[in-house]
Amino acid sequence: GAFQCLKDGAGDVAFINPLAVPAAEKASYELLCKDGTRAPIDSYKTCHLARVPAHAVVSRKDPELADRIYNK
């Protein structure tokens, strides 16, 4: 998912559920806040860029992508 891409260096930012970040890895990441500051992962209730439904899945337009995801 998005966090794995960030972790692997394949992305610079990720929109994720902050609770999905393993406790042992939290110190390696930070949140970007609306006011331009940064905060620890555990500050997600007061520092966030947006709030979205937790179970939304968004992908690029690719006719074969859904098949690859669902049949993995």
C-alpha atoms as a PDB file:
ATOM      1  CA  GLY A   1       0.000   0.000   0.000  1.00  0.00           C
ATOM      2  CA  ALA A   2       0.899   3.666   0.257  1.00  0.00           C
ATOM      3  CA  PHE A   3       2.912   3.256   3.446  1.00  0.00           C
ATOM      4  CA  GLN A   4       4.969   0.448   1.920  1.00  0.00           C
ATOM      5  CA  CYS A   5       5.777   2.669  -1.087  1.00  0.00           C
ATOM      6  CA  LEU A   6       6.918   5.416   1.283  1.00  0.00           C
ATOM      7  CA  LYS A   7       8.945   2.931   3.316  1.00  0.00           C
ATOM      8  CA  ASP A   8      10.588   1.509   0.183  1.00  0.00           C
ATOM      9  CA  GLY A   9      11.549   4.973  -1.051  1.00  0.00           C
ATOM     10  CA  ALA A  10       9.131   4.800  -3.984  1.00  0.00           C
ATOM     11  CA  GLY A  11       7.245   7.878  -2.780  1.00  0.00           C
ATOM     12  CA  ASP A  12       7.819  11.073  -0.850  1.00  0.00           C
ATOM     13  CA  VAL A  13       4.426  11.327   0.861  1.00  0.00           C
ATOM     14  CA  ALA A  14       1.574   8.940   1.613  1.00  0.00           C
ATOM     15  CA  PHE A  15      -2.024   9.460   2.671  1.00  0.00           C
ATOM     16  CA  ILE A  16      -2.532   6.662   5.185  1.00  0.00           C
ATOM     17  CA  ASN A  17      -4.199   5.721   8.427  1.00  0.00           C
ATOM     18  CA  PRO A  18      -1.566   6.795  10.981  1.00  0.00           C
ATOM     19  CA  LEU A  19      -2.472   3.807  13.147  1.00  0.00           C
ATOM     20  CA  ALA A  20      -1.048   1.579  10.384  1.00  0.00           C
ATOM     21  CA  VAL A  21       2.506   2.754  11.088  1.00  0.00           C
ATOM     22  CA  PRO A  22       4.247   0.134  13.262  1.00  0.00           C
ATOM     23  CA  ALA A  23       5.301   1.506  16.663  1.00  0.00           C
ATOM     24  CA  ALA A  24       8.931   0.593  16.019  1.00  0.00           C
ATOM     25  CA  GLU A  25       8.939   2.737  12.846  1.00  0.00           C
ATOM     26  CA  LYS A  26       7.063   5.843  14.033  1.00  0.00           C
ATOM     27  CA  ALA A  27      10.239   7.786  14.813  1.00  0.00           C
ATOM     28  CA  SER A  28      11.291   7.515  11.152  1.00  0.00           C
ATOM     29  CA  TYR A  29       8.239   9.391   9.841  1.00  0.00           C
ATOM     30  CA  GLU A  30       6.399  12.633  10.533  1.00  0.00           C
ATOM     31  CA  LEU A  31       3.097  14.287   9.723  1.00  0.00           C
ATOM     32  CA  LEU A  32       2.777  17.399   7.578  1.00  0.00           C
ATOM     33  CA  CYS A  33       0.374  19.858   9.227  1.00  0.00           C
ATOM     34  CA  LYS A  34      -1.933  22.421   7.554  1.00  0.00           C
ATOM     35  CA  ASP A  35       0.007  25.311   9.089  1.00  0.00           C
ATOM     36  CA  GLY A  36       3.273  24.193   7.456  1.00  0.00           C
ATOM     37  CA  THR A  37       4.722  22.582  10.573  1.00  0.00           C
ATOM     38  CA  ARG A  38       5.539  18.932  11.158  1.00  0.00           C
ATOM     39  CA  ALA A  39       4.565  16.657  14.024  1.00  0.00           C
ATOM     40  CA  PRO A  40       5.110  13.106  15.321  1.00  0.00           C
ATOM     41  CA  ILE A  41       2.839  10.390  13.901  1.00  0.00           C
ATOM     42  CA  ASP A  42       0.883  10.161  17.171  1.00  0.00           C
ATOM     43  CA  SER A  43      -0.268  13.797  16.762  1.00  0.00           C
ATOM     44  CA  TYR A  44      -2.647  12.867  13.921  1.00  0.00           C
ATOM     45  CA  LYS A  45      -5.731  14.211  15.746  1.00  0.00           C
ATOM     46  CA  THR A  46      -4.381  17.770  15.707  1.00  0.00           C
ATOM     47  CA  CYS A  47      -2.022  17.648  12.708  1.00  0.00           C
ATOM     48  CA  HIS A  48      -3.435  16.501   9.376  1.00  0.00           C
ATOM     49  CA  LEU A  49      -3.921  17.820   5.851  1.00  0.00           C
ATOM     50  CA  ALA A  50      -7.321  16.225   5.336  1.00  0.00           C
ATOM     51  CA  ARG A  51      -9.777  13.755   6.746  1.00  0.00           C
ATOM     52  CA  VAL A  52     -11.075  11.061   4.431  1.00  0.00           C
ATOM     53  CA  PRO A  53     -13.111   7.881   4.829  1.00  0.00           C
ATOM     54  CA  ALA A  54     -10.820   5.257   6.325  1.00  0.00           C
ATOM     55  CA  HIS A  55     -11.796   2.560   3.855  1.00  0.00           C
ATOM     56  CA  ALA A  56     -11.583   4.498   0.594  1.00  0.00           C
ATOM     57  CA  VAL A  57      -9.452   2.948  -2.109  1.00  0.00           C
ATOM     58  CA  VAL A  58      -8.248   5.179  -4.926  1.00  0.00           C
ATOM     59  CA  SER A  59      -6.147   4.111  -7.881  1.00  0.00           C
ATOM     60  CA  ARG A  60      -4.958   5.393 -11.196  1.00  0.00           C
ATOM     61  CA  LYS A  61      -7.079   4.583 -14.252  1.00  0.00           C
ATOM     62  CA  ASP A  62      -5.881   1.223 -15.484  1.00  0.00           C
ATOM     63  CA  PRO A  63      -8.312  -1.363 -16.860  1.00  0.00           C
ATOM     64  CA  GLU A  64      -6.227  -4.265 -15.513  1.00  0.00           C
ATOM     65  CA  LEU A  65      -5.342  -2.799 -12.114  1.00  0.00           C
ATOM     66  CA  ALA A  66      -8.450  -3.988 -10.269  1.00  0.00           C
ATOM     67  CA  ASP A  67      -7.930  -7.544 -11.527  1.00  0.00           C
ATOM     68  CA  ARG A  68      -4.316  -7.519 -10.365  1.00  0.00           C
ATOM     69  CA  ILE A  69      -5.326  -6.211  -6.924  1.00  0.00           C
ATOM     70  CA  TYR A  70      -8.276  -8.536  -6.337  1.00  0.00           C
ATOM     71  CA  ASN A  71      -6.559 -11.637  -7.695  1.00  0.00           C
ATOM     72  CA  LYS A  72      -3.287 -11.238  -5.831  1.00  0.00           C
END
